[in-house]
Amino acid sequence: MFSFLTTYGILFLVLVIAIIFSGIFTVQQGTIGVITMFGKYRRLASPGLNFKIPVFEKIFKRVSIQNRSVELQFQAITLDQANVNFKAMLLYAVVSQDEESIKNVAFKFIDDRSLMQALVRTIEGSIRAFVATKKQSEILGLRNEINLHVKDQIDTQLETWGYHLIDLQINDISFDDEIMKSMAKVVSSNNLKAAAENEGQALLITKTKAAEAEGNAIKISAEAEKLAAQLRGQGVALFREEVAKGIASAAKEMEDAKLDASFILFSMWTESIKHFAEAGKGNTIFLDGSIDKMQRTMHELMSVTGSEKR
């Protein structure tokens, strides 16, 4: 009898120890355990060694508080009915480690798959709504605006689920092949247009500068010609003045010496012939050197001077 009781006592003790040890559990770093009793939320278990009431308390879920990422690939339609293909990376995490946020994460969705489906569809819908208000030519330059729009639209919704959006990186934005080809043609034509405009501007500047240079050259040449003509005129006038002074002086001396004035004319005629010979540079000049011709020439010169005196 005693041995029977001893055997049952040992079994009972082993059972009690097993039940006690079944209440011991660990929670990994980066996760928080959610404990329920009879299906109702009871408390949270922090990382490390924990104890729960055996049989009555259950570990409902271990909630990860680490960052999570998911890749998205979907299509949207612009305001001008162009299909836009998006490839994006979504980074999100539990909004905080407080009890209310962890309860939302644990109990809002039946499983992680349902959460992921709702999260992805919500973000895709937000991006599609934004793209539907823009034209295809605007989309490529609106990455930052799309990110800001998505965060503004869904942050509040995610907080009710216990999450928040850390980052949305749009890795690729592309259009259908036909649209891409047409956009490439537009870019090419714009580049050609810009090149033509630049070439035209360069040609205009070149022509303008050339015209200005030519005008300045003509102006300088005209001013130089004007100055040269002025100087030539002054030289001729001075020459004539000196000649006149010389003739007047010679005539006065001839008159004082009571000599015939025709002698002066004869001297001028011979000086002219001498100048022709010295400065003619090989040119042939025919002069009548006969006595009759010389007398007629002297008579004509004297008649000219006589008329000027009168």
C-alpha atoms as a PDB file:
ATOM      1  CA  MET A   1       0.000   0.000   0.000  1.00  0.00           C
ATOM      2  CA  PHE A   2       2.788   2.335   0.906  1.00  0.00           C
ATOM      3  CA  SER A   3       4.628   1.618  -2.295  1.00  0.00           C
ATOM      4  CA  PHE A   4       1.480   2.274  -4.275  1.00  0.00           C
ATOM      5  CA  LEU A   5       1.027   5.648  -2.633  1.00  0.00           C
ATOM      6  CA  THR A   6       4.659   6.424  -3.119  1.00  0.00           C
ATOM      7  CA  THR A   7       4.400   5.666  -6.825  1.00  0.00           C
ATOM      8  CA  TYR A   8       1.371   7.888  -7.255  1.00  0.00           C
ATOM      9  CA  GLY A   9       3.026  10.592  -5.227  1.00  0.00           C
ATOM     10  CA  ILE A  10       6.021  10.578  -7.501  1.00  0.00           C
ATOM     11  CA  LEU A  11       3.819  10.683 -10.583  1.00  0.00           C
ATOM     12  CA  PHE A  12       1.823  13.549  -9.119  1.00  0.00           C
ATOM     13  CA  LEU A  13       4.999  15.440  -8.303  1.00  0.00           C
ATOM     14  CA  VAL A  14       6.341  14.890 -11.797  1.00  0.00           C
ATOM     15  CA  LEU A  15       3.033  16.096 -13.223  1.00  0.00           C
ATOM     16  CA  VAL A  16       3.081  19.213 -11.075  1.00  0.00           C
ATOM     17  CA  ILE A  17       6.655  19.947 -12.090  1.00  0.00           C
ATOM     18  CA  ALA A  18       5.761  19.428 -15.779  1.00  0.00           C
ATOM     19  CA  ILE A  19       2.784  21.747 -15.465  1.00  0.00           C
ATOM     20  CA  ILE A  20       4.934  24.382 -13.804  1.00  0.00           C
ATOM     21  CA  PHE A  21       7.618  24.099 -16.463  1.00  0.00           C
ATOM     22  CA  SER A  22       4.968  24.310 -19.204  1.00  0.00           C
ATOM     23  CA  GLY A  23       4.271  27.810 -17.986  1.00  0.00           C
ATOM     24  CA  ILE A  24       7.811  28.899 -18.700  1.00  0.00           C
ATOM     25  CA  PHE A  25       8.495  30.370 -22.159  1.00  0.00           C
ATOM     26  CA  THR A  26      10.843  32.779 -23.920  1.00  0.00           C
ATOM     27  CA  VAL A  27      10.213  35.727 -26.231  1.00  0.00           C
ATOM     28  CA  GLN A  28      12.848  36.535 -28.850  1.00  0.00           C
ATOM     29  CA  GLN A  29      14.466  39.958 -29.082  1.00  0.00           C
ATOM     30  CA  GLY A  30      12.562  42.163 -31.558  1.00  0.00           C
ATOM     31  CA  THR A  31       9.217  40.537 -30.754  1.00  0.00           C
ATOM     32  CA  ILE A  32       6.525  40.947 -28.101  1.00  0.00           C
ATOM     33  CA  GLY A  33       4.315  38.112 -26.918  1.00  0.00           C
ATOM     34  CA  VAL A  34       0.538  38.557 -26.656  1.00  0.00           C
ATOM     35  CA  ILE A  35      -0.996  36.460 -23.844  1.00  0.00           C
ATOM     36  CA  THR A  36      -4.703  35.530 -23.689  1.00  0.00           C
ATOM     37  CA  MET A  37      -6.790  33.662 -21.148  1.00  0.00           C
ATOM     38  CA  PHE A  38      -9.879  31.789 -22.249  1.00  0.00           C
ATOM     39  CA  GLY A  39      -9.549  33.578 -25.630  1.00  0.00           C
ATOM     40  CA  LYS A  40      -9.488  37.082 -24.124  1.00  0.00           C
ATOM     41  CA  TYR A  41      -6.506  39.435 -24.153  1.00  0.00           C
ATOM     42  CA  ARG A  42      -4.722  39.432 -20.814  1.00  0.00           C
ATOM     43  CA  ARG A  43      -1.253  40.975 -21.074  1.00  0.00           C
ATOM     44  CA  LEU A  44       1.990  41.419 -23.040  1.00  0.00           C
ATOM     45  CA  ALA A  45       5.222  39.486 -22.604  1.00  0.00           C
ATOM     46  CA  SER A  46       8.483  41.321 -23.171  1.00  0.00           C
ATOM     47  CA  PRO A  47      11.633  39.736 -24.730  1.00  0.00           C
ATOM     48  CA  GLY A  48      13.407  37.212 -22.530  1.00  0.00           C
ATOM     49  CA  LEU A  49      12.237  34.534 -20.034  1.00  0.00           C
ATOM     50  CA  ASN A  50       8.540  34.742 -19.085  1.00  0.00           C
ATOM     51  CA  PHE A  51       5.970  32.726 -17.153  1.00  0.00           C
ATOM     52  CA  LYS A  52       2.314  32.113 -17.891  1.00  0.00           C
ATOM     53  CA  ILE A  53      -0.349  30.327 -15.913  1.00  0.00           C
ATOM     54  CA  PRO A  54      -0.263  26.771 -17.169  1.00  0.00           C
ATOM     55  CA  VAL A  55      -3.358  25.479 -18.926  1.00  0.00           C
ATOM     56  CA  PHE A  56      -5.254  28.772 -18.570  1.00  0.00           C
ATOM     57  CA  GLU A  57      -3.003  31.324 -20.312  1.00  0.00           C
ATOM     58  CA  LYS A  58      -2.022  30.928 -23.972  1.00  0.00           C
ATOM     59  CA  ILE A  59       0.543  32.645 -26.204  1.00  0.00           C
ATOM     60  CA  PHE A  60      -1.814  34.046 -28.814  1.00  0.00           C
ATOM     61  CA  LYS A  61       0.819  35.627 -31.072  1.00  0.00           C
ATOM     62  CA  ARG A  62       4.350  36.848 -31.136  1.00  0.00           C
ATOM     63  CA  VAL A  63       4.311  40.330 -32.738  1.00  0.00           C
ATOM     64  CA  SER A  64       7.486  41.471 -34.521  1.00  0.00           C
ATOM     65  CA  ILE A  65       8.416  45.082 -33.860  1.00  0.00           C
ATOM     66  CA  GLN A  66      11.198  45.019 -36.491  1.00  0.00           C
ATOM     67  CA  ASN A  67      10.992  46.847 -39.804  1.00  0.00           C
ATOM     68  CA  ARG A  68       9.323  44.938 -42.609  1.00  0.00           C
ATOM     69  CA  SER A  69       9.557  45.415 -46.370  1.00  0.00           C
ATOM     70  CA  VAL A  70       7.497  44.292 -49.311  1.00  0.00           C
ATOM     71  CA  GLU A  71       7.869  44.834 -53.043  1.00  0.00           C
ATOM     72  CA  LEU A  72       4.946  46.179 -55.051  1.00  0.00           C
ATOM     73  CA  GLN A  73       4.307  45.918 -58.779  1.00  0.00           C
ATOM     74  CA  PHE A  74       1.115  47.343 -60.235  1.00  0.00           C
ATOM     75  CA  GLN A  75      -0.338  49.536 -62.984  1.00  0.00           C
ATOM     76  CA  ALA A  76      -2.123  52.898 -62.942  1.00  0.00           C
ATOM     77  CA  ILE A  77      -3.844  55.063 -65.562  1.00  0.00           C
ATOM     78  CA  THR A  78      -3.101  58.762 -66.037  1.00  0.00           C
ATOM     79  CA  LEU A  79      -5.534  61.573 -66.742  1.00  0.00           C
ATOM     80  CA  ASP A  80      -4.863  61.258 -70.488  1.00  0.00           C
ATOM     81  CA  GLN A  81      -5.467  57.471 -70.423  1.00  0.00           C
ATOM     82  CA  ALA A  82      -1.848  56.291 -70.471  1.00  0.00           C
ATOM     83  CA  ASN A  83      -0.874  53.101 -68.653  1.00  0.00           C
ATOM     84  CA  VAL A  84       1.911  53.573 -66.102  1.00  0.00           C
ATOM     85  CA  ASN A  85       3.768  50.596 -64.624  1.00  0.00           C
ATOM     86  CA  PHE A  86       5.105  50.995 -61.089  1.00  0.00           C
ATOM     87  CA  LYS A  87       7.697  48.995 -59.184  1.00  0.00           C
ATOM     88  CA  ALA A  88       8.092  50.054 -55.571  1.00  0.00           C
ATOM     89  CA  MET A  89       9.463  48.939 -52.230  1.00  0.00           C
ATOM     90  CA  LEU A  90       7.374  49.490 -49.109  1.00  0.00           C
ATOM     91  CA  LEU A  91       9.038  49.764 -45.686  1.00  0.00           C
ATOM     92  CA  TYR A  92       6.802  49.719 -42.618  1.00  0.00           C
ATOM     93  CA  ALA A  93       6.847  48.768 -38.935  1.00  0.00           C
ATOM     94  CA  VAL A  94       4.745  48.653 -35.763  1.00  0.00           C
ATOM     95  CA  VAL A  95       3.960  52.239 -34.823  1.00  0.00           C
ATOM     96  CA  SER A  96       5.129  51.808 -31.191  1.00  0.00           C
ATOM     97  CA  GLN A  97       5.564  49.210 -28.448  1.00  0.00           C
ATOM     98  CA  ASP A  98       2.736  50.473 -26.270  1.00  0.00           C
ATOM     99  CA  GLU A  99      -0.046  48.074 -25.330  1.00  0.00           C
ATOM    100  CA  GLU A 100      -2.740  49.597 -27.516  1.00  0.00           C
ATOM    101  CA  SER A 101      -0.623  49.472 -30.680  1.00  0.00           C
ATOM    102  CA  ILE A 102       0.426  45.862 -30.053  1.00  0.00           C
ATOM    103  CA  LYS A 103      -3.213  44.871 -29.446  1.00  0.00           C
ATOM    104  CA  ASN A 104      -4.185  46.451 -32.791  1.00  0.00           C
ATOM    105  CA  VAL A 105      -1.435  44.535 -34.587  1.00  0.00           C
ATOM    106  CA  ALA A 106      -2.435  41.262 -32.904  1.00  0.00           C
ATOM    107  CA  PHE A 107      -6.215  41.411 -33.259  1.00  0.00           C
ATOM    108  CA  LYS A 108      -7.096  43.651 -36.264  1.00  0.00           C
ATOM    109  CA  PHE A 109      -6.427  40.953 -38.867  1.00  0.00           C
ATOM    110  CA  ILE A 110      -6.913  37.230 -38.756  1.00  0.00           C
ATOM    111  CA  ASP A 111      -3.385  36.620 -40.040  1.00  0.00           C
ATOM    112  CA  ASP A 112      -0.383  38.376 -41.592  1.00  0.00           C
ATOM    113  CA  ARG A 113      -1.502  37.489 -45.090  1.00  0.00           C
ATOM    114  CA  SER A 114      -4.735  39.473 -44.661  1.00  0.00           C
ATOM    115  CA  LEU A 115      -2.775  42.402 -43.253  1.00  0.00           C
ATOM    116  CA  MET A 116      -0.373  42.369 -46.185  1.00  0.00           C
ATOM    117  CA  GLN A 117      -3.190  42.231 -48.708  1.00  0.00           C
ATOM    118  CA  ALA A 118      -4.994  45.179 -47.116  1.00  0.00           C
ATOM    119  CA  LEU A 119      -1.761  47.189 -46.820  1.00  0.00           C
ATOM    120  CA  VAL A 120      -0.717  46.636 -50.435  1.00  0.00           C
ATOM    121  CA  ARG A 121      -4.170  47.327 -51.850  1.00  0.00           C
ATOM    122  CA  THR A 122      -4.477  50.525 -49.811  1.00  0.00           C
ATOM    123  CA  ILE A 123      -1.165  51.895 -51.063  1.00  0.00           C
ATOM    124  CA  GLU A 124      -1.865  50.882 -54.652  1.00  0.00           C
ATOM    125  CA  GLY A 125      -5.255  52.570 -54.496  1.00  0.00           C
ATOM    126  CA  SER A 126      -3.726  55.766 -53.102  1.00  0.00           C
ATOM    127  CA  ILE A 127      -1.117  55.895 -55.877  1.00  0.00           C
ATOM    128  CA  ARG A 128      -3.693  55.151 -58.574  1.00  0.00           C
ATOM    129  CA  ALA A 129      -5.930  57.959 -57.295  1.00  0.00           C
ATOM    130  CA  PHE A 130      -2.999  60.388 -57.439  1.00  0.00           C
ATOM    131  CA  VAL A 131      -1.842  59.284 -60.909  1.00  0.00           C
ATOM    132  CA  ALA A 132      -5.393  59.596 -62.278  1.00  0.00           C
ATOM    133  CA  THR A 133      -5.180  63.394 -61.737  1.00  0.00           C
ATOM    134  CA  LYS A 134      -1.890  63.810 -63.641  1.00  0.00           C
ATOM    135  CA  LYS A 135      -0.863  63.623 -67.298  1.00  0.00           C
ATOM    136  CA  GLN A 136       1.730  61.147 -68.527  1.00  0.00           C
ATOM    137  CA  SER A 137       4.276  63.903 -69.170  1.00  0.00           C
ATOM    138  CA  GLU A 138       4.146  64.870 -65.489  1.00  0.00           C
ATOM    139  CA  ILE A 139       4.463  61.459 -63.860  1.00  0.00           C
ATOM    140  CA  LEU A 140       8.207  60.861 -64.291  1.00  0.00           C
ATOM    141  CA  GLY A 141       9.072  63.942 -62.248  1.00  0.00           C
ATOM    142  CA  LEU A 142       6.640  63.297 -59.385  1.00  0.00           C
ATOM    143  CA  ARG A 143       8.323  60.539 -57.353  1.00  0.00           C
ATOM    144  CA  ASN A 144       8.634  62.658 -54.210  1.00  0.00           C
ATOM    145  CA  GLU A 145       5.125  64.033 -54.597  1.00  0.00           C
ATOM    146  CA  ILE A 146       3.727  60.493 -54.892  1.00  0.00           C
ATOM    147  CA  ASN A 147       5.541  59.455 -51.706  1.00  0.00           C
ATOM    148  CA  LEU A 148       4.217  62.449 -49.785  1.00  0.00           C
ATOM    149  CA  HIS A 149       0.701  61.885 -51.093  1.00  0.00           C
ATOM    150  CA  VAL A 150       0.700  58.221 -50.034  1.00  0.00           C
ATOM    151  CA  LYS A 151       1.995  59.003 -46.535  1.00  0.00           C
ATOM    152  CA  ASP A 152      -0.579  61.745 -46.053  1.00  0.00           C
ATOM    153  CA  GLN A 153      -3.387  59.498 -47.245  1.00  0.00           C
ATOM    154  CA  ILE A 154      -2.687  56.249 -45.405  1.00  0.00           C
ATOM    155  CA  ASP A 155      -0.688  57.095 -42.269  1.00  0.00           C
ATOM    156  CA  THR A 156      -3.857  57.606 -40.239  1.00  0.00           C
ATOM    157  CA  GLN A 157      -5.361  54.379 -41.559  1.00  0.00           C
ATOM    158  CA  LEU A 158      -2.196  52.406 -40.781  1.00  0.00           C
ATOM    159  CA  GLU A 159      -2.107  53.737 -37.224  1.00  0.00           C
ATOM    160  CA  THR A 160      -5.529  52.188 -36.567  1.00  0.00           C
ATOM    161  CA  TRP A 161      -3.946  48.872 -37.599  1.00  0.00           C
ATOM    162  CA  GLY A 162      -0.952  49.471 -35.325  1.00  0.00           C
ATOM    163  CA  TYR A 163       1.544  50.255 -38.139  1.00  0.00           C
ATOM    164  CA  HIS A 164       3.092  53.286 -39.771  1.00  0.00           C
ATOM    165  CA  LEU A 165       4.714  53.797 -43.181  1.00  0.00           C
ATOM    166  CA  ILE A 166       8.459  54.393 -42.880  1.00  0.00           C
ATOM    167  CA  ASP A 167       9.301  54.784 -46.553  1.00  0.00           C
ATOM    168  CA  LEU A 168       7.944  54.169 -50.018  1.00  0.00           C
ATOM    169  CA  GLN A 169      10.628  53.978 -52.685  1.00  0.00           C
ATOM    170  CA  ILE A 170       9.431  54.001 -56.281  1.00  0.00           C
ATOM    171  CA  ASN A 171      12.191  52.129 -58.061  1.00  0.00           C
ATOM    172  CA  ASP A 172      10.786  52.214 -61.579  1.00  0.00           C
ATOM    173  CA  ILE A 173       8.141  54.119 -63.507  1.00  0.00           C
ATOM    174  CA  SER A 174       7.578  52.978 -67.073  1.00  0.00           C
ATOM    175  CA  PHE A 175       4.967  53.260 -69.805  1.00  0.00           C
ATOM    176  CA  ASP A 176       3.818  50.941 -72.556  1.00  0.00           C
ATOM    177  CA  ASP A 177       6.242  50.468 -75.455  1.00  0.00           C
ATOM    178  CA  GLU A 178       4.273  52.662 -77.852  1.00  0.00           C
ATOM    179  CA  ILE A 179       4.111  55.488 -75.346  1.00  0.00           C
ATOM    180  CA  MET A 180       7.819  55.173 -74.583  1.00  0.00           C
ATOM    181  CA  LYS A 181       8.623  55.366 -78.313  1.00  0.00           C
ATOM    182  CA  SER A 182       6.415  58.425 -78.772  1.00  0.00           C
ATOM    183  CA  MET A 183       7.975  60.108 -75.737  1.00  0.00           C
ATOM    184  CA  ALA A 184      11.435  59.379 -77.124  1.00  0.00           C
ATOM    185  CA  LYS A 185      10.405  61.006 -80.422  1.00  0.00           C
ATOM    186  CA  VAL A 186       9.094  64.057 -78.576  1.00  0.00           C
ATOM    187  CA  VAL A 187      12.348  64.362 -76.630  1.00  0.00           C
ATOM    188  CA  SER A 188      14.359  63.933 -79.842  1.00  0.00           C
ATOM    189  CA  SER A 189      12.336  66.565 -81.690  1.00  0.00           C
ATOM    190  CA  ASN A 190      12.638  68.961 -78.755  1.00  0.00           C
ATOM    191  CA  ASN A 191      16.399  68.449 -78.721  1.00  0.00           C
ATOM    192  CA  LEU A 192      16.580  69.095 -82.475  1.00  0.00           C
ATOM    193  CA  LYS A 193      14.440  72.192 -82.048  1.00  0.00           C
ATOM    194  CA  ALA A 194      16.644  73.465 -79.243  1.00  0.00           C
ATOM    195  CA  ALA A 195      19.763  72.741 -81.319  1.00  0.00           C
ATOM    196  CA  ALA A 196      18.290  74.614 -84.296  1.00  0.00           C
ATOM    197  CA  GLU A 197      17.358  77.554 -82.095  1.00  0.00           C
ATOM    198  CA  ASN A 198      20.836  77.636 -80.584  1.00  0.00           C
ATOM    199  CA  GLU A 199      22.424  77.421 -84.027  1.00  0.00           C
ATOM    200  CA  GLY A 200      20.175  80.217 -85.270  1.00  0.00           C
ATOM    201  CA  GLN A 201      21.046  82.367 -82.279  1.00  0.00           C
ATOM    202  CA  ALA A 202      24.740  81.690 -82.815  1.00  0.00           C
ATOM    203  CA  LEU A 203      24.456  82.563 -86.528  1.00  0.00           C
ATOM    204  CA  LEU A 204      22.511  85.733 -85.684  1.00  0.00           C
ATOM    205  CA  ILE A 205      25.159  86.772 -83.169  1.00  0.00           C
ATOM    206  CA  THR A 206      27.915  86.033 -85.694  1.00  0.00           C
ATOM    207  CA  LYS A 207      26.175  88.028 -88.435  1.00  0.00           C
ATOM    208  CA  THR A 208      25.423  90.875 -86.041  1.00  0.00           C
ATOM    209  CA  LYS A 209      28.996  91.053 -84.831  1.00  0.00           C
ATOM    210  CA  ALA A 210      30.288  90.875 -88.404  1.00  0.00           C
ATOM    211  CA  ALA A 211      27.928  93.682 -89.448  1.00  0.00           C
ATOM    212  CA  GLU A 212      28.979  95.752 -86.458  1.00  0.00           C
ATOM    213  CA  ALA A 213      32.645  95.139 -87.266  1.00  0.00           C
ATOM    214  CA  GLU A 214      32.099  96.040 -90.925  1.00  0.00           C
ATOM    215  CA  GLY A 215      30.178  99.164 -89.939  1.00  0.00           C
ATOM    216  CA  ASN A 216      32.909 100.206 -87.536  1.00  0.00           C
ATOM    217  CA  ALA A 217      35.526  99.541 -90.207  1.00  0.00           C
ATOM    218  CA  ILE A 218      33.593 101.658 -92.727  1.00  0.00           C
ATOM    219  CA  LYS A 219      33.164 104.385 -90.138  1.00  0.00           C
ATOM    220  CA  ILE A 220      36.845 104.362 -89.265  1.00  0.00           C
ATOM    221  CA  SER A 221      37.795 104.298 -92.950  1.00  0.00           C
ATOM    222  CA  ALA A 222      35.436 107.181 -93.716  1.00  0.00           C
ATOM    223  CA  GLU A 223      36.788 109.197 -90.811  1.00  0.00           C
ATOM    224  CA  ALA A 224      40.335 108.428 -91.946  1.00  0.00           C
ATOM    225  CA  GLU A 225      39.470 109.399 -95.541  1.00  0.00           C
ATOM    226  CA  LYS A 226      37.824 112.567 -94.294  1.00  0.00           C
ATOM    227  CA  LEU A 227      40.872 113.463 -92.246  1.00  0.00           C
ATOM    228  CA  ALA A 228      43.173 112.589 -95.164  1.00  0.00           C
ATOM    229  CA  ALA A 229      41.133 114.730 -97.573  1.00  0.00           C
ATOM    230  CA  GLN A 230      41.143 117.540 -95.053  1.00  0.00           C
ATOM    231  CA  LEU A 231      44.877 117.285 -94.672  1.00  0.00           C
ATOM    232  CA  ARG A 232      45.346 117.095 -98.462  1.00  0.00           C
ATOM    233  CA  GLY A 233      43.182 120.172 -98.877  1.00  0.00           C
ATOM    234  CA  GLN A 234      45.134 121.999 -96.223  1.00  0.00           C
ATOM    235  CA  GLY A 235      48.367 120.939 -97.923  1.00  0.00           C
ATOM    236  CA  VAL A 236      47.173 122.144-101.327  1.00  0.00           C
ATOM    237  CA  ALA A 237      45.981 125.402 -99.814  1.00  0.00           C
ATOM    238  CA  LEU A 238      49.303 125.919 -98.073  1.00  0.00           C
ATOM    239  CA  PHE A 239      51.111 125.042-101.305  1.00  0.00           C
ATOM    240  CA  ARG A 240      49.076 127.536-103.266  1.00  0.00           C
ATOM    241  CA  GLU A 241      49.534 130.113-100.553  1.00  0.00           C
ATOM    242  CA  GLU A 242      53.290 129.644-100.634  1.00  0.00           C
ATOM    243  CA  VAL A 243      53.315 129.692-104.429  1.00  0.00           C
ATOM    244  CA  ALA A 244      51.285 132.860-104.428  1.00  0.00           C
ATOM    245  CA  LYS A 245      53.614 134.409-101.871  1.00  0.00           C
ATOM    246  CA  GLY A 246      56.617 133.359-103.936  1.00  0.00           C
ATOM    247  CA  ILE A 247      55.165 134.736-107.158  1.00  0.00           C
ATOM    248  CA  ALA A 248      54.121 137.972-105.454  1.00  0.00           C
ATOM    249  CA  SER A 249      57.570 138.378-103.929  1.00  0.00           C
ATOM    250  CA  ALA A 250      59.298 137.628-107.234  1.00  0.00           C
ATOM    251  CA  ALA A 251      57.015 140.024-109.117  1.00  0.00           C
ATOM    252  CA  LYS A 252      57.711 142.761-106.596  1.00  0.00           C
ATOM    253  CA  GLU A 253      61.435 142.232-106.903  1.00  0.00           C
ATOM    254  CA  MET A 254      61.169 142.219-110.702  1.00  0.00           C
ATOM    255  CA  GLU A 255      59.112 145.381-110.559  1.00  0.00           C
ATOM    256  CA  ASP A 256      61.631 147.050-108.242  1.00  0.00           C
ATOM    257  CA  ALA A 257      64.411 145.984-110.602  1.00  0.00           C
ATOM    258  CA  LYS A 258      62.347 147.252-113.549  1.00  0.00           C
ATOM    259  CA  LEU A 259      62.489 143.895-115.305  1.00  0.00           C
ATOM    260  CA  ASP A 260      59.872 142.439-117.616  1.00  0.00           C
ATOM    261  CA  ALA A 261      57.347 140.245-115.770  1.00  0.00           C
ATOM    262  CA  SER A 262      57.446 137.736-118.584  1.00  0.00           C
ATOM    263  CA  PHE A 263      60.783 136.607-117.185  1.00  0.00           C
ATOM    264  CA  ILE A 264      58.969 135.177-114.168  1.00  0.00           C
ATOM    265  CA  LEU A 265      56.572 133.274-116.381  1.00  0.00           C
ATOM    266  CA  PHE A 266      59.439 131.920-118.411  1.00  0.00           C
ATOM    267  CA  SER A 267      61.171 130.793-115.227  1.00  0.00           C
ATOM    268  CA  MET A 268      57.962 129.046-114.044  1.00  0.00           C
ATOM    269  CA  TRP A 269      57.615 127.308-117.411  1.00  0.00           C
ATOM    270  CA  THR A 270      61.182 126.005-117.311  1.00  0.00           C
ATOM    271  CA  GLU A 271      60.742 124.858-113.677  1.00  0.00           C
ATOM    272  CA  SER A 272      57.642 122.944-114.723  1.00  0.00           C
ATOM    273  CA  ILE A 273      59.550 121.222-117.519  1.00  0.00           C
ATOM    274  CA  LYS A 274      62.275 120.344-114.998  1.00  0.00           C
ATOM    275  CA  HIS A 275      59.709 118.879-112.582  1.00  0.00           C
ATOM    276  CA  PHE A 276      58.164 116.807-115.428  1.00  0.00           C
ATOM    277  CA  ALA A 277      61.584 115.403-116.203  1.00  0.00           C
ATOM    278  CA  GLU A 278      62.372 114.539-112.562  1.00  0.00           C
ATOM    279  CA  ALA A 279      58.985 113.134-111.468  1.00  0.00           C
ATOM    280  CA  GLY A 280      57.661 111.758-114.737  1.00  0.00           C
ATOM    281  CA  LYS A 281      58.697 108.144-113.906  1.00  0.00           C
ATOM    282  CA  GLY A 282      59.244 107.272-117.533  1.00  0.00           C
ATOM    283  CA  ASN A 283      56.034 108.904-118.840  1.00  0.00           C
ATOM    284  CA  THR A 284      56.359 110.699-122.168  1.00  0.00           C
ATOM    285  CA  ILE A 285      55.201 114.343-122.289  1.00  0.00           C
ATOM    286  CA  PHE A 286      55.263 116.222-125.590  1.00  0.00           C
ATOM    287  CA  LEU A 287      55.986 119.977-125.374  1.00  0.00           C
ATOM    288  CA  ASP A 288      56.419 122.351-128.291  1.00  0.00           C
ATOM    289  CA  GLY A 289      59.810 124.017-127.764  1.00  0.00           C
ATOM    290  CA  SER A 290      59.777 126.228-130.866  1.00  0.00           C
ATOM    291  CA  ILE A 291      60.321 129.984-130.483  1.00  0.00           C
ATOM    292  CA  ASP A 292      56.887 130.829-131.930  1.00  0.00           C
ATOM    293  CA  LYS A 293      55.123 128.437-129.609  1.00  0.00           C
ATOM    294  CA  MET A 294      57.039 129.684-126.578  1.00  0.00           C
ATOM    295  CA  GLN A 295      56.196 133.299-127.476  1.00  0.00           C
ATOM    296  CA  ARG A 296      52.528 132.396-127.878  1.00  0.00           C
ATOM    297  CA  THR A 297      52.560 130.587-124.536  1.00  0.00           C
ATOM    298  CA  MET A 298      54.225 133.524-122.798  1.00  0.00           C
ATOM    299  CA  HIS A 299      51.745 135.867-124.358  1.00  0.00           C
ATOM    300  CA  GLU A 300      48.838 133.750-123.128  1.00  0.00           C
ATOM    301  CA  LEU A 301      50.283 133.580-119.593  1.00  0.00           C
ATOM    302  CA  MET A 302      50.838 137.300-119.545  1.00  0.00           C
ATOM    303  CA  SER A 303      47.317 137.939-120.786  1.00  0.00           C
ATOM    304  CA  VAL A 304      46.005 135.745-117.926  1.00  0.00           C
ATOM    305  CA  THR A 305      48.036 137.582-115.323  1.00  0.00           C
ATOM    306  CA  GLY A 306      47.086 140.878-116.904  1.00  0.00           C
ATOM    307  CA  SER A 307      43.387 139.991-116.723  1.00  0.00           C
ATOM    308  CA  GLU A 308      43.789 138.982-113.082  1.00  0.00           C
ATOM    309  CA  LYS A 309      45.415 142.365-112.328  1.00  0.00           C
ATOM    310  CA  ARG A 310      42.537 144.150-113.957  1.00  0.00           C
END
